[in-house]
């Protein structure tokens, strides 16, 4: 079978000769997924420009057409579809879970390490409203690095940086914890060898869907963040396509057919569930055509464009006298592309090359060095520079004089209520869908978006409610395992330092039979 006059090379498999299927398209020479991912990353920047530089009368073009989603959301779902497709195909072809985990870590972590470092050491000092010494003394400066590197509960802000923005410092990072969790789920089931035979793989994937449907409370990324559901389903759709890659034909007439079906259903309630399968099929067809396969890129720049794009757009928006999404896009997109190119050529590709060449044992690493002398500089750079960069940033900040000393200033901020005021040792309170405890605090005036709840001397990643006067946070279990009193206050950055509210006390009691103790005001910390 030929498409646009040039035949595709069928890979080894069960596909009939001349028949183009998903299996055929997955061969790297038969697709241009690098271009597709770059376009998706650019669409994310397009969508974010309307939020970061809002202007009356301007609306995201995809949102104007679809109404239920915008360009960035559709692009993220497309990213996860491709991720599910390629990741599932990878683990089915090579069922080695250690190699799978190593490859995924090599793809995600090196670029993220440098992105967080640049954000803390370059963007933060340039745009913070605090004095430079005060900025580096704040514990939140260092915690932004290592909390976000852990990819669990993200910290959205640096002290005094874009404090008026409701979107945090780098909103694009929200997808990375979900992606890592999905990778770990695939790896965990890979240990059971369920991804090999097609019936077993389909049964495992179906079981995950049924589990999430009937017991959603036990799947934190479904209810913990409602925005996680569409990307998760897109990832599963990609995994399903990979499992059935020899059975899904890729043909022009089918592509026209699914486009016609999606267009027909626009005026019906079935358009949303039909839209995504049609979109996924169309991109698989289009990006294996001769025309688009010719537009080869020298690298996969999409990850760098994605993780740097939001920060760059924040910087551009802060310099605009009058917000304009089109100017934000026009300036930010080339800068993000440049950051993506630097990240790929200097960080991501060398790190991936190193990880691919690492044998299964540490002993064989010496053989690698001996057998590839011409590549010593790159190998040494990745082996030494990358771990040192990850370690030196936290250590260098901790070595600064007076690190961790909060510069407090006078404030009119007052806590007017919080809950609960009494809890019991070892018992989860205000249980959230992910099983963690939570606390809420009401204050006397609207808070800055990057305000924090501090409990027992520990700043907690916090969320300010839309009303501006209520702030919530998850509470680590270690804070309430034993009976004691936990000092509680709210802090927010100001131009001179950190403004601190009045201090209250959350009492942790031994048993539920103990009489409740009311809130007790205390002196300011």
Protein backbone atom coordinates (compact mmCIF):
# COMPACT_ATOMS: atom_id res chain seq x y z
CA UNK A 1 0.00 0.00 0.00
CA UNK A 2 1.27 3.44 -0.86
CA UNK A 3 0.34 6.76 0.63
CA UNK A 4 0.98 9.93 -1.42
CA UNK A 5 3.15 7.91 -3.75
CA UNK A 6 5.71 6.61 -1.24
CA UNK A 7 5.37 3.16 0.34
CA UNK A 8 5.80 2.71 4.07
CA UNK A 9 8.20 0.08 5.33
CA UNK A 10 6.24 -2.53 7.30
CA UNK A 11 7.97 -3.69 10.50
CA UNK A 12 8.35 -7.29 11.48
CA UNK A 13 5.00 -8.51 12.80
CA UNK A 14 1.70 -10.00 11.81
CA UNK A 15 0.56 -7.18 9.52
CA UNK A 16 -0.24 -8.36 6.01
CA UNK A 17 2.18 -7.26 3.29
CA UNK A 18 1.28 -3.81 2.01
CA UNK A 19 -1.24 -3.22 4.80
CA UNK A 20 -0.56 -0.12 6.86
CA UNK A 21 -1.50 -0.44 10.52
CA UNK A 22 -0.58 1.25 13.79
CA UNK A 23 2.24 -1.28 13.99
CA UNK A 24 3.63 0.09 10.72
CA UNK A 25 3.32 3.70 11.84
CA UNK A 26 5.14 3.02 15.11
CA UNK A 27 8.39 2.42 13.23
CA UNK A 28 10.34 5.66 13.66
CA UNK A 29 11.07 6.05 9.96
CA UNK A 30 7.33 5.80 9.21
CA UNK A 31 6.14 8.71 11.36
CA UNK A 32 7.01 12.23 12.40
CA UNK A 33 5.90 12.22 16.02
CA UNK A 34 8.66 14.69 16.93
CA UNK A 35 6.89 17.33 14.84
CA UNK A 36 3.51 16.32 16.26
CA UNK A 37 4.74 16.71 19.84
CA UNK A 38 6.33 20.07 19.05
CA UNK A 39 3.06 21.33 17.56
CA UNK A 40 1.22 20.09 20.64
CA UNK A 41 3.67 21.92 22.93
CA UNK A 42 3.17 25.07 20.85
CA UNK A 43 -0.60 24.67 21.21
CA UNK A 44 -0.14 24.60 24.99
CA UNK A 45 1.66 27.95 24.78
CA UNK A 46 -1.13 29.27 22.56
CA UNK A 47 -3.75 28.28 25.11
CA UNK A 48 -1.82 29.69 28.05
CA UNK A 49 -1.34 33.06 26.35
CA UNK A 50 -5.05 33.83 26.73
CA UNK A 51 -4.91 33.08 30.45
CA UNK A 52 -1.62 34.83 31.25
CA UNK A 53 -2.29 37.92 29.10
CA UNK A 54 -6.09 38.16 29.10
CA UNK A 55 -7.75 40.86 27.02
CA UNK A 56 -11.47 41.45 26.55
CA UNK A 57 -12.74 40.08 23.25
CA UNK A 58 -9.87 37.60 22.79
CA UNK A 59 -10.62 33.90 23.18
CA UNK A 60 -8.68 30.73 22.49
CA UNK A 61 -9.64 29.62 18.95
CA UNK A 62 -10.08 25.96 19.88
CA UNK A 63 -12.27 26.89 22.84
CA UNK A 64 -14.34 29.11 20.57
CA UNK A 65 -15.06 26.08 18.35
CA UNK A 66 -15.26 23.19 20.85
CA UNK A 67 -16.61 25.01 23.93
CA UNK A 68 -15.71 22.06 26.21
CA UNK A 69 -11.92 22.38 25.97
CA UNK A 70 -9.19 24.75 24.83
CA UNK A 71 -6.07 24.31 22.71
CA UNK A 72 -3.77 23.55 25.65
CA UNK A 73 -6.14 20.93 27.07
CA UNK A 74 -6.52 19.17 23.73
CA UNK A 75 -2.74 19.23 23.27
CA UNK A 76 -2.16 17.69 26.72
CA UNK A 77 -4.64 14.90 25.94
CA UNK A 78 -2.79 14.31 22.68
CA UNK A 79 0.53 14.15 24.56
CA UNK A 80 -0.86 11.48 26.87
CA UNK A 81 -2.28 9.48 23.98
CA UNK A 82 1.12 9.39 22.30
CA UNK A 83 2.75 8.59 25.63
CA UNK A 84 0.42 5.65 26.24
CA UNK A 85 0.94 4.42 22.70
CA UNK A 86 4.74 4.53 22.77
CA UNK A 87 5.20 3.46 26.39
CA UNK A 88 2.94 0.43 26.06
CA UNK A 89 4.56 -0.57 22.78
CA UNK A 90 7.99 -0.21 24.41
CA UNK A 91 7.27 -2.45 27.41
CA UNK A 92 5.58 -5.06 25.23
CA UNK A 93 8.59 -5.25 22.93
CA UNK A 94 11.09 -5.22 25.81
CA UNK A 95 9.48 -6.47 29.05
CA UNK A 96 12.50 -5.58 31.21
CA UNK A 97 10.99 -3.38 33.94
CA UNK A 98 14.36 -1.99 35.17
CA UNK A 99 15.24 -0.83 31.66
CA UNK A 100 11.74 0.61 31.26
CA UNK A 101 12.02 2.62 34.51
CA UNK A 102 15.53 3.78 33.62
CA UNK A 103 14.43 4.95 30.19
CA UNK A 104 11.46 6.88 31.59
CA UNK A 105 13.61 8.50 34.28
CA UNK A 106 16.18 9.49 31.66
CA UNK A 107 13.46 11.16 29.62
CA UNK A 108 11.81 13.13 32.43
CA UNK A 109 14.34 13.96 35.15
CA UNK A 110 17.43 15.53 33.47
CA UNK A 111 15.45 18.26 31.72
CA UNK A 112 13.37 18.88 34.84
CA UNK A 113 16.48 19.17 37.05
CA UNK A 114 17.87 21.99 34.94
CA UNK A 115 14.51 23.68 34.42
CA UNK A 116 13.94 23.90 38.18
CA UNK A 117 17.52 25.10 38.67
CA UNK A 118 17.12 27.86 36.08
CA UNK A 119 13.81 28.85 37.64
CA UNK A 120 15.27 29.08 41.17
CA UNK A 121 18.61 30.71 40.28
CA UNK A 122 17.72 32.92 37.32
CA UNK A 123 14.00 33.63 37.02
CA UNK A 124 13.40 33.89 40.77
CA UNK A 125 16.15 36.45 41.53
CA UNK A 126 15.19 38.53 38.49
CA UNK A 127 11.48 38.76 39.23
CA UNK A 128 11.11 38.45 43.01
CA UNK A 129 9.80 41.47 44.89
CA UNK A 130 11.98 40.55 47.89
CA UNK A 131 15.54 41.68 48.43
CA UNK A 132 17.90 39.15 46.88
CA UNK A 133 19.34 38.04 50.22
CA UNK A 134 15.84 37.61 51.66
CA UNK A 135 14.78 35.60 48.61
CA UNK A 136 17.57 33.07 49.08
CA UNK A 137 17.03 32.88 52.85
CA UNK A 138 13.44 31.72 52.46
CA UNK A 139 12.99 27.93 52.88
CA UNK A 140 10.44 28.05 50.04
CA UNK A 141 13.24 28.88 47.57
CA UNK A 142 14.95 25.56 48.14
CA UNK A 143 11.77 23.58 48.73
CA UNK A 144 10.51 24.65 45.27
CA UNK A 145 13.43 22.72 43.82
CA UNK A 146 13.35 19.47 45.73
CA UNK A 147 9.56 19.24 46.21
CA UNK A 148 8.91 19.66 42.50
CA UNK A 149 11.76 17.32 41.64
CA UNK A 150 10.01 14.62 43.68
CA UNK A 151 6.92 15.02 41.44
CA UNK A 152 4.35 14.35 44.15
CA UNK A 153 2.65 17.40 45.73
CA UNK A 154 3.99 20.30 43.71
CA UNK A 155 4.96 23.70 45.10
CA UNK A 156 3.63 26.33 42.75
CA UNK A 157 5.46 29.48 43.83
CA UNK A 158 8.79 31.01 44.72
CA UNK A 159 8.90 33.76 47.37
CA UNK A 160 7.70 37.03 45.89
CA UNK A 161 7.79 35.80 42.26
CA UNK A 162 4.68 36.66 40.21
CA UNK A 163 2.71 36.89 43.45
CA UNK A 164 -0.28 38.48 41.68
CA UNK A 165 -0.64 35.63 39.18
CA UNK A 166 -3.36 33.12 40.09
CA UNK A 167 -1.66 30.40 38.03
CA UNK A 168 1.52 29.85 40.02
CA UNK A 169 5.02 30.08 38.63
CA UNK A 170 5.02 27.10 36.24
CA UNK A 171 1.53 25.73 35.76
CA UNK A 172 2.68 23.29 33.07
CA UNK A 173 4.29 21.05 35.69
CA UNK A 174 0.86 19.79 36.80
CA UNK A 175 0.91 16.95 34.25
CA UNK A 176 4.27 15.49 35.29
CA UNK A 177 3.16 13.81 38.55
CA UNK A 178 0.32 12.13 36.66
CA UNK A 179 2.65 10.98 33.90
CA UNK A 180 5.07 9.49 36.43
CA UNK A 181 2.22 7.69 38.21
CA UNK A 182 1.03 6.21 34.94
CA UNK A 183 4.56 5.06 34.14
CA UNK A 184 4.81 3.42 37.55
CA UNK A 185 1.44 1.71 37.03
CA UNK A 186 2.63 0.31 33.72
CA UNK A 187 5.92 -0.80 35.29
CA UNK A 188 4.16 -2.36 38.30
CA UNK A 189 1.89 -4.44 36.10
CA UNK A 190 4.90 -5.20 33.93
CA UNK A 191 6.42 -7.03 36.90
CA UNK A 192 3.45 -9.40 36.68
CA UNK A 193 4.17 -10.01 32.98
CA UNK A 194 0.64 -9.04 31.96
CA UNK A 195 1.61 -6.85 29.00
CA UNK A 196 2.96 -9.68 26.84
CA UNK A 197 0.08 -11.76 25.41
CA UNK A 198 -2.65 -9.64 23.90
CA UNK A 199 -5.58 -11.19 25.88
CA UNK A 200 -3.74 -10.71 29.17
CA UNK A 201 -2.84 -7.10 28.28
CA UNK A 202 -6.45 -6.30 27.33
CA UNK A 203 -7.70 -7.90 30.54
CA UNK A 204 -5.23 -5.88 32.63
CA UNK A 205 -6.18 -2.62 30.91
CA UNK A 206 -9.88 -3.39 31.27
CA UNK A 207 -9.39 -4.18 34.94
CA UNK A 208 -7.78 -0.77 35.51
CA UNK A 209 -10.73 0.96 33.86
CA UNK A 210 -13.26 -1.02 35.91
CA UNK A 211 -11.33 -0.41 39.12
CA UNK A 212 -11.31 3.33 38.50
CA UNK A 213 -15.02 3.24 37.61
CA UNK A 214 -16.30 1.32 40.64
CA UNK A 215 -13.72 2.36 43.29
CA UNK A 216 -12.66 5.88 42.31
CA UNK A 217 -11.82 6.82 45.91
CA UNK A 218 -8.90 4.37 45.75
CA UNK A 219 -7.48 6.00 42.63
CA UNK A 220 -6.11 9.32 43.94
CA UNK A 221 -5.38 10.86 40.56
CA UNK A 222 -9.03 10.53 39.54
CA UNK A 223 -10.62 12.38 42.47
CA UNK A 224 -7.55 14.07 43.92
CA UNK A 225 -7.47 16.29 40.84
CA UNK A 226 -10.46 16.13 38.46
CA UNK A 227 -8.26 17.51 35.67
CA UNK A 228 -6.32 14.23 35.72
CA UNK A 229 -9.18 12.19 34.30
CA UNK A 230 -9.07 13.20 30.58
CA UNK A 231 -5.26 12.72 30.27
CA UNK A 232 -5.52 9.35 32.04
CA UNK A 233 -8.22 8.16 29.63
CA UNK A 234 -6.14 9.44 26.71
CA UNK A 235 -3.13 7.48 28.01
CA UNK A 236 -5.27 4.34 28.22
CA UNK A 237 -6.55 4.94 24.70
CA UNK A 238 -2.95 5.05 23.48
CA UNK A 239 -2.14 1.88 25.43
CA UNK A 240 -5.17 0.17 23.88
CA UNK A 241 -4.01 1.18 20.39
CA UNK A 242 -0.53 -0.23 21.13
CA UNK A 243 -1.95 -3.55 22.32
CA UNK A 244 -4.02 -3.84 19.12
CA UNK A 245 -1.47 -2.22 16.83
CA UNK A 246 -1.61 -5.04 14.24
CA UNK A 247 -5.39 -4.88 14.06
CA UNK A 248 -5.96 -1.13 13.58
CA UNK A 249 -5.58 -0.14 9.91
CA UNK A 250 -4.37 3.33 8.98
CA UNK A 251 -6.13 4.37 5.78
CA UNK A 252 -7.12 7.61 4.14
CA UNK A 253 -10.73 6.62 3.58
CA UNK A 254 -11.11 5.69 7.25
CA UNK A 255 -9.54 9.02 8.26
CA UNK A 256 -12.09 10.86 6.12
CA UNK A 257 -14.83 8.71 7.60
CA UNK A 258 -13.97 9.43 11.24
CA UNK A 259 -13.67 13.15 10.43
CA UNK A 260 -17.14 13.07 8.88
CA UNK A 261 -18.54 11.22 11.90
CA UNK A 262 -17.05 13.74 14.33
CA UNK A 263 -18.42 16.64 12.27
CA UNK A 264 -21.87 15.06 12.10
CA UNK A 265 -21.99 14.61 15.88
CA UNK A 266 -21.16 18.25 16.64
CA UNK A 267 -24.81 19.03 17.30
CA UNK A 268 -25.41 15.91 19.39
CA UNK A 269 -24.49 14.91 22.92
CA UNK A 270 -22.15 12.25 21.55
CA UNK A 271 -19.65 14.72 20.13
CA UNK A 272 -17.31 14.85 23.15
CA UNK A 273 -16.76 11.06 23.45
CA UNK A 274 -16.43 10.81 19.66
CA UNK A 275 -14.05 13.76 19.33
CA UNK A 276 -11.00 12.23 20.96
CA UNK A 277 -10.95 8.86 19.14
CA UNK A 278 -11.40 10.74 15.87
CA UNK A 279 -8.60 13.18 16.76
CA UNK A 280 -6.22 10.38 17.73
CA UNK A 281 -6.90 8.44 14.55
CA UNK A 282 -6.48 11.53 12.36
CA UNK A 283 -3.10 12.48 13.83
CA UNK A 284 -1.84 8.89 13.39
CA UNK A 285 -2.86 9.06 9.76
CA UNK A 286 -1.61 12.57 9.00
CA UNK A 287 1.80 12.27 10.64
CA UNK A 288 2.72 9.16 8.67
CA UNK A 289 2.03 10.77 5.30
CA UNK A 290 4.89 11.52 2.94
CA UNK A 291 4.50 15.30 3.21
CA UNK A 292 4.74 15.46 6.99
CA UNK A 293 7.38 12.74 7.23
CA UNK A 294 9.65 14.94 5.15
CA UNK A 295 9.59 17.70 7.77
CA UNK A 296 12.16 16.00 9.98
CA UNK A 297 13.41 17.87 13.03
CA UNK A 298 16.97 17.54 14.35
CA UNK A 299 15.62 16.63 17.78
CA UNK A 300 12.59 16.21 20.02
CA UNK A 301 12.20 19.72 21.40
CA UNK A 302 8.67 19.30 22.75
CA UNK A 303 9.55 18.50 26.38
CA UNK A 304 11.79 21.54 26.79
CA UNK A 305 9.26 23.81 25.07
CA UNK A 306 6.57 22.48 27.39
CA UNK A 307 8.35 22.81 30.74
CA UNK A 308 9.95 26.20 29.99
CA UNK A 309 7.05 27.72 28.07
CA UNK A 310 4.84 28.70 31.02
CA UNK A 311 7.68 30.38 32.91
CA UNK A 312 8.71 32.30 29.80
CA UNK A 313 5.12 33.41 29.25
CA UNK A 314 4.92 34.61 32.86
CA UNK A 315 8.05 36.70 32.32
CA UNK A 316 6.65 38.17 29.09
CA UNK A 317 3.27 38.90 30.68
CA UNK A 318 4.92 40.72 33.59
CA UNK A 319 6.58 43.11 31.11
CA UNK A 320 3.41 43.93 29.18
CA UNK A 321 1.86 47.29 29.99
CA UNK A 322 -1.39 46.19 28.36
CA UNK A 323 -2.05 42.43 28.32
CA UNK A 324 -2.32 41.03 24.82
CA UNK A 325 -2.38 37.25 24.24
CA UNK A 326 -1.20 37.52 20.64
CA UNK A 327 1.91 39.48 21.59
CA UNK A 328 2.56 37.08 24.43
CA UNK A 329 2.42 34.18 21.99
CA UNK A 330 4.54 35.97 19.39
CA UNK A 331 7.35 36.67 21.88
CA UNK A 332 7.12 33.56 24.06
CA UNK A 333 6.97 30.87 21.38
CA UNK A 334 10.40 31.57 19.81
CA UNK A 335 11.98 31.88 23.26
CA UNK A 336 10.42 28.59 24.36
CA UNK A 337 11.60 26.91 21.16
CA UNK A 338 15.12 28.15 21.83
CA UNK A 339 14.97 26.84 25.40
CA UNK A 340 13.69 23.50 24.09
CA UNK A 341 16.55 23.23 21.59
CA UNK A 342 19.17 24.01 24.24
CA UNK A 343 17.58 21.56 26.65
CA UNK A 344 17.50 18.78 24.06
CA UNK A 345 21.01 19.15 22.63
CA UNK A 346 22.87 19.93 25.86
CA UNK A 347 20.91 18.00 28.50
CA UNK A 348 18.20 15.61 27.37
CA UNK A 349 19.87 13.83 24.45
CA UNK A 350 23.27 13.34 26.16
CA UNK A 351 21.54 12.02 29.28
CA UNK A 352 19.35 9.64 27.25
CA UNK A 353 22.41 8.46 25.33
CA UNK A 354 24.17 7.69 28.58
CA UNK A 355 21.22 5.84 30.07
CA UNK A 356 20.74 3.77 26.94
CA UNK A 357 24.37 2.69 27.05
CA UNK A 358 24.36 1.82 30.72
CA UNK A 359 24.40 -1.98 31.05
CA UNK A 360 22.36 -3.80 33.63
CA UNK A 361 25.20 -3.87 36.17
CA UNK A 362 27.60 -1.27 37.52
CA UNK A 363 30.58 -3.41 36.56
CA UNK A 364 29.75 -3.13 32.88
CA UNK A 365 29.91 0.66 33.13
CA UNK A 366 33.70 0.42 33.15
CA UNK A 367 33.51 -1.62 29.95
CA UNK A 368 31.41 1.15 28.43
CA UNK A 369 34.15 3.69 29.09
CA UNK A 370 36.84 1.41 27.70
CA UNK A 371 34.92 0.51 24.56
CA UNK A 372 33.87 4.03 23.60
CA UNK A 373 36.88 6.27 24.15
CA UNK A 374 35.82 8.80 21.55
CA UNK A 375 32.74 9.60 23.59
CA UNK A 376 34.55 10.25 26.89
CA UNK A 377 33.61 13.97 27.13
CA UNK A 378 29.87 13.36 26.76
CA UNK A 379 29.88 10.33 29.03
CA UNK A 380 31.85 12.10 31.76
CA UNK A 381 29.65 15.19 31.42
CA UNK A 382 26.47 13.17 31.96
CA UNK A 383 27.92 10.98 34.71
CA UNK A 384 29.43 13.82 36.72
CA UNK A 385 27.74 17.09 35.80
CA UNK A 386 24.15 15.94 36.00
CA UNK A 387 24.25 14.45 39.52
CA UNK A 388 26.41 17.32 40.75
CA UNK A 389 23.95 19.86 39.36
CA UNK A 390 21.10 18.12 41.15
CA UNK A 391 23.02 18.13 44.45
CA UNK A 392 24.86 21.44 44.33
CA UNK A 393 21.81 23.69 44.05
CA UNK A 394 20.23 22.58 47.37
CA UNK A 395 23.63 22.50 49.08
CA UNK A 396 24.68 25.91 47.78
CA UNK A 397 21.47 27.53 48.97
CA UNK A 398 21.69 25.86 52.39
CA UNK A 399 25.25 27.17 52.83
CA UNK A 400 24.11 30.79 52.45
CA UNK A 401 24.35 32.83 55.67
CA UNK A 402 21.13 32.91 57.67
CA UNK A 403 19.43 30.40 55.37
CA UNK A 404 16.01 29.47 56.70
CA UNK A 405 15.56 32.64 58.74
CA UNK A 406 12.22 34.14 57.73
CA UNK A 407 12.31 37.93 57.36
CA UNK A 408 8.99 38.90 58.94
CA UNK A 409 7.26 42.28 58.66
CA UNK A 410 4.31 43.86 60.44
CA UNK A 411 0.96 42.78 59.04
CA UNK A 412 -2.76 43.37 59.53
CA UNK A 413 -3.47 39.75 58.60
CA UNK A 414 -5.62 37.99 61.24
CA UNK A 415 -6.91 34.41 61.45
CA UNK A 416 -10.67 34.55 62.10
CA UNK A 417 -11.34 30.82 62.07
CA UNK A 418 -9.87 27.43 61.21
CA UNK A 419 -10.85 23.81 61.35
CA UNK A 420 -10.52 21.46 62.91
CA UNK A 421 -9.19 23.04 66.10
CA UNK A 422 -8.86 19.72 67.96
CA UNK A 423 -7.73 16.41 66.41
CA UNK A 424 -6.75 13.03 67.80
CA UNK A 425 -3.36 11.41 67.56
CA UNK A 426 -3.04 9.06 64.61
CA UNK A 427 -6.59 9.72 63.33
CA UNK A 428 -6.99 11.33 59.91
CA UNK A 429 -9.20 14.43 59.97
CA UNK A 430 -11.01 16.17 57.11
CA UNK A 431 -10.13 13.10 55.04
CA UNK A 432 -9.59 13.94 51.37
CA UNK A 433 -10.24 11.58 48.41
CA UNK A 434 -6.55 10.67 48.37
CA UNK A 435 -6.74 9.61 52.04
CA UNK A 436 -4.76 12.55 53.47
CA UNK A 437 -5.81 14.94 56.23
CA UNK A 438 -6.52 18.60 55.50
CA UNK A 439 -7.03 21.89 57.31
CA UNK A 440 -8.79 25.13 56.37
CA UNK A 441 -8.11 28.64 57.65
CA UNK A 442 -10.19 31.81 57.27
CA UNK A 443 -8.51 35.22 57.47
CA UNK A 444 -9.58 38.84 57.81
CA UNK A 445 -8.73 40.01 54.29
CA UNK A 446 -7.98 38.59 50.83
CA UNK A 447 -4.69 36.70 50.63
CA UNK A 448 -1.96 36.75 48.02
CA UNK A 449 -2.17 33.70 45.70
CA UNK A 450 1.14 32.34 47.08
CA UNK A 451 0.15 32.51 50.76
CA UNK A 452 1.01 29.47 52.89
CA UNK A 453 -0.30 27.76 55.99
CA UNK A 454 2.45 26.96 58.50
CA UNK A 455 1.63 24.22 60.99
CA UNK A 456 4.05 23.11 63.68
CA UNK A 457 6.77 25.22 62.04
CA UNK A 458 6.32 23.42 58.70
CA UNK A 459 5.14 25.45 55.64
CA UNK A 460 2.47 23.41 53.85
CA UNK A 461 1.74 23.57 50.10
CA UNK A 462 -1.49 25.55 50.22
CA UNK A 463 -4.38 26.60 47.99
CA UNK A 464 -6.17 29.94 48.30
CA UNK A 465 -9.89 29.59 47.57
CA UNK A 466 -11.52 31.88 44.98
CA UNK A 467 -13.00 34.05 47.74
CA UNK A 468 -9.44 34.97 48.73
CA UNK A 469 -10.14 34.72 52.46
CA UNK A 470 -9.99 30.94 52.86
CA UNK A 471 -6.85 28.86 52.45
CA UNK A 472 -6.53 25.07 52.64
CA UNK A 473 -3.66 22.60 52.84
CA UNK A 474 -2.99 18.90 53.20
CA UNK A 475 -1.46 17.95 56.56
CA UNK A 476 1.37 15.36 56.67
CA UNK A 477 0.64 12.47 59.01
CA UNK A 478 3.89 13.01 60.92
CA UNK A 479 2.41 16.19 62.42
CA UNK A 480 -0.41 14.42 64.26
CA UNK A 481 0.97 11.01 65.22
CA UNK A 482 1.52 12.05 68.86
CA UNK A 483 -0.33 14.34 71.26
CA UNK A 484 1.03 17.91 71.32
CA UNK A 485 0.14 21.50 70.39
CA UNK A 486 0.84 22.69 66.84
CA UNK A 487 1.38 26.44 66.28
CA UNK A 488 -0.64 27.61 63.29
CA UNK A 489 -0.28 30.79 61.25
CA UNK A 490 -0.61 32.06 57.67
CA UNK A 491 2.20 33.80 55.80
CA UNK A 492 2.35 35.72 52.53
CA UNK A 493 5.19 37.52 50.71
CA UNK A 494 5.39 41.29 50.66
CA UNK A 495 7.88 43.72 49.15
CA UNK A 496 9.80 43.94 52.44
CA UNK A 497 9.67 40.30 53.54
CA UNK A 498 7.12 37.78 54.74
CA UNK A 499 3.92 38.99 56.40
CA UNK A 500 2.80 36.74 59.26
CA UNK A 501 -0.70 36.48 60.73
CA UNK A 502 -1.54 36.09 64.39
CA UNK A 503 -0.74 32.62 65.73
CA UNK A 504 -3.30 30.02 66.77
CA UNK A 505 -2.94 26.49 68.14
CA UNK A 506 -4.16 23.19 66.73
CA UNK A 507 -4.35 20.70 69.59
CA UNK A 508 -3.56 17.02 69.00
CA UNK A 509 -5.11 14.95 71.81
CA UNK A 510 -4.58 11.34 72.80
CA UNK A 511 -8.19 10.10 72.79
CA UNK A 512 -11.55 11.29 71.55
CA UNK A 513 -12.83 11.32 75.13
CA UNK A 514 -10.68 14.32 76.06
CA UNK A 515 -12.67 17.53 76.32
CA UNK A 516 -12.32 19.82 73.32
CA UNK A 517 -10.12 22.85 73.74
CA UNK A 518 -11.01 26.06 72.00
CA UNK A 519 -8.66 28.01 69.79
CA UNK A 520 -5.95 29.72 71.76
CA UNK A 521 -4.37 32.92 70.45
CA UNK A 522 -0.65 33.24 70.97
CA UNK A 523 2.07 35.71 70.23
CA UNK A 524 3.30 36.24 66.70
CA UNK A 525 6.16 33.96 65.68
